[in-house]
N, C-alpha and C. Protein backbone atom coordinates (compact mmCIF):
# COMPACT_ATOMS: atom_id res chain seq x y z
N UNK A 1 53.61 -52.68 -1.82
CA UNK A 1 52.77 -51.69 -2.43
C UNK A 1 53.13 -50.32 -1.88
N UNK A 2 53.48 -49.46 -2.77
CA UNK A 2 53.80 -48.11 -2.32
C UNK A 2 52.60 -47.21 -2.58
N UNK A 3 52.41 -46.33 -1.69
CA UNK A 3 51.31 -45.38 -1.83
C UNK A 3 51.83 -44.13 -2.52
N UNK A 4 50.96 -43.59 -3.36
CA UNK A 4 51.37 -42.35 -4.03
C UNK A 4 51.33 -41.21 -3.04
N UNK A 5 52.23 -40.30 -3.23
CA UNK A 5 52.26 -39.10 -2.39
C UNK A 5 51.14 -38.16 -2.79
N UNK A 6 50.49 -37.54 -1.84
CA UNK A 6 49.44 -36.57 -2.14
C UNK A 6 50.07 -35.31 -2.73
N UNK A 7 49.39 -34.69 -3.69
CA UNK A 7 49.94 -33.45 -4.24
C UNK A 7 49.86 -32.34 -3.20
N UNK A 8 50.70 -31.32 -3.35
CA UNK A 8 50.64 -30.21 -2.39
C UNK A 8 49.29 -29.51 -2.51
N UNK A 9 48.84 -28.85 -1.44
CA UNK A 9 47.54 -28.17 -1.50
C UNK A 9 47.58 -27.03 -2.51
N UNK A 10 46.43 -26.78 -3.12
CA UNK A 10 46.31 -25.73 -4.11
C UNK A 10 46.12 -24.40 -3.41
N UNK A 11 46.95 -23.43 -3.72
CA UNK A 11 46.85 -22.11 -3.12
C UNK A 11 46.61 -21.11 -4.25
N UNK A 12 45.51 -20.40 -4.15
CA UNK A 12 45.17 -19.41 -5.17
C UNK A 12 45.78 -18.07 -4.80
N UNK A 13 46.53 -17.51 -5.72
CA UNK A 13 47.15 -16.21 -5.51
C UNK A 13 46.89 -15.35 -6.72
N UNK A 14 46.87 -14.03 -6.53
CA UNK A 14 46.70 -13.16 -7.69
C UNK A 14 47.90 -13.29 -8.62
N UNK A 15 47.69 -13.08 -9.92
CA UNK A 15 48.80 -13.21 -10.86
C UNK A 15 49.88 -12.16 -10.59
N UNK A 16 51.09 -12.55 -10.86
CA UNK A 16 52.22 -11.63 -10.70
C UNK A 16 52.18 -10.61 -11.82
N UNK A 17 52.39 -9.36 -11.49
CA UNK A 17 52.35 -8.29 -12.49
C UNK A 17 53.48 -8.49 -13.49
N UNK A 18 53.13 -8.49 -14.77
CA UNK A 18 54.13 -8.66 -15.81
C UNK A 18 54.86 -7.35 -16.07
N UNK A 19 54.20 -6.24 -15.77
CA UNK A 19 54.80 -4.93 -15.99
C UNK A 19 55.36 -4.39 -14.69
N UNK A 20 56.31 -3.51 -14.77
CA UNK A 20 56.79 -2.89 -13.53
C UNK A 20 55.67 -2.05 -12.91
N UNK A 21 55.72 -1.95 -11.60
CA UNK A 21 54.69 -1.19 -10.89
C UNK A 21 54.73 0.26 -11.35
N UNK A 22 53.59 0.83 -11.55
CA UNK A 22 53.48 2.22 -12.01
C UNK A 22 52.03 2.64 -11.92
N UNK A 23 51.69 3.67 -12.63
CA UNK A 23 50.29 4.09 -12.58
C UNK A 23 49.38 3.01 -13.16
N UNK A 24 48.22 2.86 -12.57
CA UNK A 24 47.27 1.85 -13.02
C UNK A 24 46.76 2.22 -14.42
N UNK A 25 46.58 1.23 -15.29
CA UNK A 25 46.07 1.54 -16.63
C UNK A 25 44.64 2.06 -16.54
N UNK A 26 44.34 3.02 -17.40
CA UNK A 26 42.99 3.60 -17.42
C UNK A 26 42.06 2.68 -18.18
N UNK A 27 40.80 2.62 -17.76
CA UNK A 27 39.84 1.81 -18.52
C UNK A 27 39.58 2.44 -19.88
N UNK A 28 39.18 1.64 -20.87
CA UNK A 28 38.91 2.20 -22.19
C UNK A 28 37.80 3.24 -22.12
N UNK A 29 37.97 4.30 -22.87
CA UNK A 29 36.96 5.35 -22.89
C UNK A 29 36.92 5.99 -24.28
N UNK A 30 35.84 6.68 -24.54
CA UNK A 30 35.70 7.38 -25.81
C UNK A 30 36.37 8.75 -25.71
N UNK A 31 37.09 9.18 -26.74
CA UNK A 31 37.65 10.52 -26.70
C UNK A 31 36.54 11.56 -26.75
N UNK A 32 36.69 12.59 -25.95
CA UNK A 32 35.65 13.61 -25.89
C UNK A 32 35.63 14.45 -27.15
N UNK A 33 34.46 14.83 -27.57
CA UNK A 33 34.30 15.71 -28.72
C UNK A 33 34.32 15.01 -30.05
N UNK A 34 34.66 13.74 -30.10
CA UNK A 34 34.73 13.03 -31.37
C UNK A 34 33.41 12.37 -31.71
N UNK A 35 33.27 12.00 -32.96
CA UNK A 35 32.08 11.29 -33.41
C UNK A 35 32.50 9.89 -33.81
N UNK A 36 31.76 8.91 -33.35
CA UNK A 36 32.09 7.51 -33.65
C UNK A 36 30.86 6.81 -34.17
N UNK A 37 31.10 5.76 -34.93
CA UNK A 37 30.00 4.99 -35.48
C UNK A 37 29.70 3.77 -34.63
N UNK A 38 28.43 3.43 -34.58
CA UNK A 38 27.96 2.24 -33.89
C UNK A 38 27.33 1.34 -34.94
N UNK A 39 27.69 0.07 -34.94
CA UNK A 39 27.14 -0.86 -35.91
C UNK A 39 25.85 -1.45 -35.35
N UNK A 40 24.81 -1.42 -36.15
CA UNK A 40 23.51 -1.98 -35.76
C UNK A 40 23.19 -3.14 -36.68
N UNK A 41 22.57 -4.17 -36.12
CA UNK A 41 22.09 -5.30 -36.91
C UNK A 41 20.61 -5.48 -36.61
N UNK A 42 19.80 -5.36 -37.64
CA UNK A 42 18.35 -5.57 -37.52
C UNK A 42 18.04 -6.88 -38.24
N UNK A 43 17.41 -7.81 -37.53
CA UNK A 43 17.16 -9.12 -38.12
C UNK A 43 15.83 -9.67 -37.63
N UNK A 44 15.00 -10.15 -38.55
CA UNK A 44 13.72 -10.75 -38.19
C UNK A 44 13.20 -11.59 -39.36
N UNK A 45 12.26 -12.46 -39.05
CA UNK A 45 11.65 -13.29 -40.09
C UNK A 45 10.75 -12.45 -40.99
N UNK A 46 10.18 -11.39 -40.43
CA UNK A 46 9.29 -10.51 -41.19
C UNK A 46 10.11 -9.39 -41.82
N UNK A 47 10.33 -9.47 -43.13
CA UNK A 47 11.15 -8.48 -43.82
C UNK A 47 10.55 -7.09 -43.74
N UNK A 48 9.23 -7.00 -43.76
CA UNK A 48 8.57 -5.69 -43.68
C UNK A 48 8.84 -5.03 -42.33
N UNK A 49 8.91 -5.82 -41.26
CA UNK A 49 9.20 -5.26 -39.94
C UNK A 49 10.62 -4.71 -39.87
N UNK A 50 11.55 -5.41 -40.50
CA UNK A 50 12.94 -4.93 -40.51
C UNK A 50 13.04 -3.63 -41.30
N UNK A 51 12.38 -3.58 -42.46
CA UNK A 51 12.39 -2.36 -43.27
C UNK A 51 11.73 -1.20 -42.52
N UNK A 52 10.64 -1.48 -41.80
CA UNK A 52 9.95 -0.44 -41.04
C UNK A 52 10.83 0.08 -39.90
N UNK A 53 11.56 -0.82 -39.24
CA UNK A 53 12.46 -0.40 -38.17
C UNK A 53 13.57 0.48 -38.72
N UNK A 54 14.12 0.11 -39.87
CA UNK A 54 15.17 0.92 -40.49
C UNK A 54 14.63 2.29 -40.90
N UNK A 55 13.41 2.32 -41.43
CA UNK A 55 12.81 3.60 -41.82
C UNK A 55 12.56 4.49 -40.61
N UNK A 56 12.15 3.89 -39.49
CA UNK A 56 11.93 4.67 -38.27
C UNK A 56 13.24 5.25 -37.74
N UNK A 57 14.31 4.46 -37.79
CA UNK A 57 15.61 4.96 -37.35
C UNK A 57 16.10 6.08 -38.27
N UNK A 58 15.88 5.93 -39.57
CA UNK A 58 16.28 6.96 -40.53
C UNK A 58 15.51 8.25 -40.28
N UNK A 59 14.21 8.13 -39.98
CA UNK A 59 13.39 9.31 -39.70
C UNK A 59 13.84 10.00 -38.41
N UNK A 60 14.24 9.21 -37.44
CA UNK A 60 14.64 9.79 -36.15
C UNK A 60 16.02 10.41 -36.20
N UNK A 61 16.99 9.72 -36.84
CA UNK A 61 18.38 10.18 -36.80
C UNK A 61 18.84 10.87 -38.07
N UNK A 62 18.08 10.81 -39.14
CA UNK A 62 18.43 11.51 -40.37
C UNK A 62 19.73 11.01 -40.99
N UNK A 63 20.60 11.95 -41.36
CA UNK A 63 21.84 11.62 -42.05
C UNK A 63 22.83 10.86 -41.17
N UNK A 64 22.59 10.83 -39.87
CA UNK A 64 23.50 10.10 -38.98
C UNK A 64 23.30 8.60 -39.05
N UNK A 65 22.20 8.14 -39.65
CA UNK A 65 21.88 6.72 -39.78
C UNK A 65 21.98 6.31 -41.24
N UNK A 66 22.66 5.20 -41.51
CA UNK A 66 22.79 4.72 -42.89
C UNK A 66 22.77 3.20 -42.90
N UNK A 67 22.00 2.64 -43.82
CA UNK A 67 21.98 1.19 -44.02
C UNK A 67 23.20 0.83 -44.85
N UNK A 68 23.98 -0.14 -44.36
CA UNK A 68 25.21 -0.52 -45.06
C UNK A 68 25.10 -1.86 -45.76
N UNK A 69 24.08 -2.65 -45.44
CA UNK A 69 23.94 -3.93 -46.12
C UNK A 69 22.61 -4.60 -45.83
N UNK A 70 22.16 -5.39 -46.82
CA UNK A 70 20.93 -6.18 -46.67
C UNK A 70 21.23 -7.59 -47.12
N UNK A 71 20.69 -8.56 -46.38
CA UNK A 71 20.88 -9.96 -46.78
C UNK A 71 19.59 -10.72 -46.52
N UNK A 72 19.09 -11.34 -47.58
CA UNK A 72 17.90 -12.19 -47.44
C UNK A 72 18.36 -13.63 -47.22
N UNK A 73 17.68 -14.30 -46.31
CA UNK A 73 17.95 -15.71 -46.05
C UNK A 73 16.62 -16.41 -45.83
N UNK A 74 16.67 -17.72 -45.69
CA UNK A 74 15.42 -18.44 -45.45
C UNK A 74 14.81 -18.06 -44.11
N UNK A 75 15.64 -17.55 -43.20
CA UNK A 75 15.13 -17.16 -41.88
C UNK A 75 14.58 -15.74 -41.87
N UNK A 76 14.70 -15.00 -42.95
CA UNK A 76 14.16 -13.65 -43.01
C UNK A 76 15.16 -12.66 -43.58
N UNK A 77 15.11 -11.43 -43.09
CA UNK A 77 15.96 -10.35 -43.59
C UNK A 77 16.90 -9.90 -42.49
N UNK A 78 18.17 -9.75 -42.85
CA UNK A 78 19.18 -9.23 -41.93
C UNK A 78 19.73 -7.95 -42.54
N UNK A 79 19.65 -6.86 -41.79
CA UNK A 79 20.10 -5.56 -42.28
C UNK A 79 21.17 -5.02 -41.33
N UNK A 80 22.29 -4.59 -41.89
CA UNK A 80 23.32 -3.95 -41.08
C UNK A 80 23.30 -2.45 -41.38
N UNK A 81 23.57 -1.67 -40.34
CA UNK A 81 23.52 -0.22 -40.48
C UNK A 81 24.55 0.41 -39.58
N UNK A 82 24.79 1.70 -39.78
CA UNK A 82 25.73 2.46 -38.98
C UNK A 82 25.03 3.70 -38.45
N UNK A 83 25.32 4.04 -37.21
CA UNK A 83 24.76 5.23 -36.59
C UNK A 83 25.91 6.03 -35.99
N UNK A 84 26.03 7.29 -36.40
CA UNK A 84 27.08 8.16 -35.87
C UNK A 84 26.62 8.75 -34.54
N UNK A 85 27.44 8.58 -33.50
CA UNK A 85 27.10 9.10 -32.17
C UNK A 85 28.29 9.86 -31.61
N UNK A 86 28.01 10.80 -30.71
CA UNK A 86 29.08 11.51 -30.00
C UNK A 86 29.33 10.79 -28.69
N UNK A 87 30.44 11.12 -28.05
CA UNK A 87 30.79 10.49 -26.78
C UNK A 87 29.73 10.77 -25.72
N UNK A 88 29.18 11.97 -25.71
CA UNK A 88 28.15 12.30 -24.72
C UNK A 88 26.91 11.43 -24.89
N UNK A 89 26.50 11.20 -26.13
CA UNK A 89 25.32 10.37 -26.38
C UNK A 89 25.58 8.92 -25.98
N UNK A 90 26.78 8.43 -26.25
CA UNK A 90 27.11 7.06 -25.89
C UNK A 90 27.13 6.89 -24.38
N UNK A 91 27.66 7.87 -23.67
CA UNK A 91 27.70 7.78 -22.21
C UNK A 91 26.30 7.90 -21.63
N UNK A 92 25.45 8.76 -22.22
CA UNK A 92 24.07 8.89 -21.75
C UNK A 92 23.30 7.59 -21.96
N UNK A 93 23.56 6.90 -23.06
CA UNK A 93 22.84 5.66 -23.35
C UNK A 93 23.20 4.57 -22.36
N UNK A 94 24.43 4.60 -21.84
CA UNK A 94 24.86 3.58 -20.89
C UNK A 94 24.53 3.90 -19.45
N UNK A 95 24.03 5.09 -19.19
CA UNK A 95 23.72 5.50 -17.81
C UNK A 95 22.41 4.88 -17.36
N UNK A 96 22.30 4.57 -16.06
CA UNK A 96 21.02 4.03 -15.57
C UNK A 96 19.94 5.10 -15.63
N UNK A 97 18.69 4.70 -15.84
CA UNK A 97 17.61 5.69 -15.91
C UNK A 97 17.43 6.42 -14.58
N UNK A 98 17.13 7.71 -14.67
CA UNK A 98 16.93 8.51 -13.46
C UNK A 98 15.45 8.65 -13.19
N UNK A 99 15.10 8.56 -11.92
CA UNK A 99 13.70 8.73 -11.53
C UNK A 99 13.46 10.17 -11.11
N UNK A 100 12.25 10.63 -11.34
CA UNK A 100 11.89 11.95 -10.84
C UNK A 100 11.76 12.91 -11.89
């Protein structure tokens, strides 16, 4: 009876860089000064609540908010919309709240 050889120990190492060493890639960011759209999905069993939420967003953002689609299903109403935002607004929305 021969015994099987134990496999070599597992050593975890960082992956080898596929690209030649150079400046580190920058994280994705929004170009400054541009306007970009954000896709919104409003969905609920109560169709009136979805319509009211869309109306409130339209009243708050005006022409920057537009409903792009409505779909009724047995589970309720699903509404897709677009909101135009600037890079500053997007960065402000992602910032932690400030106290004081």
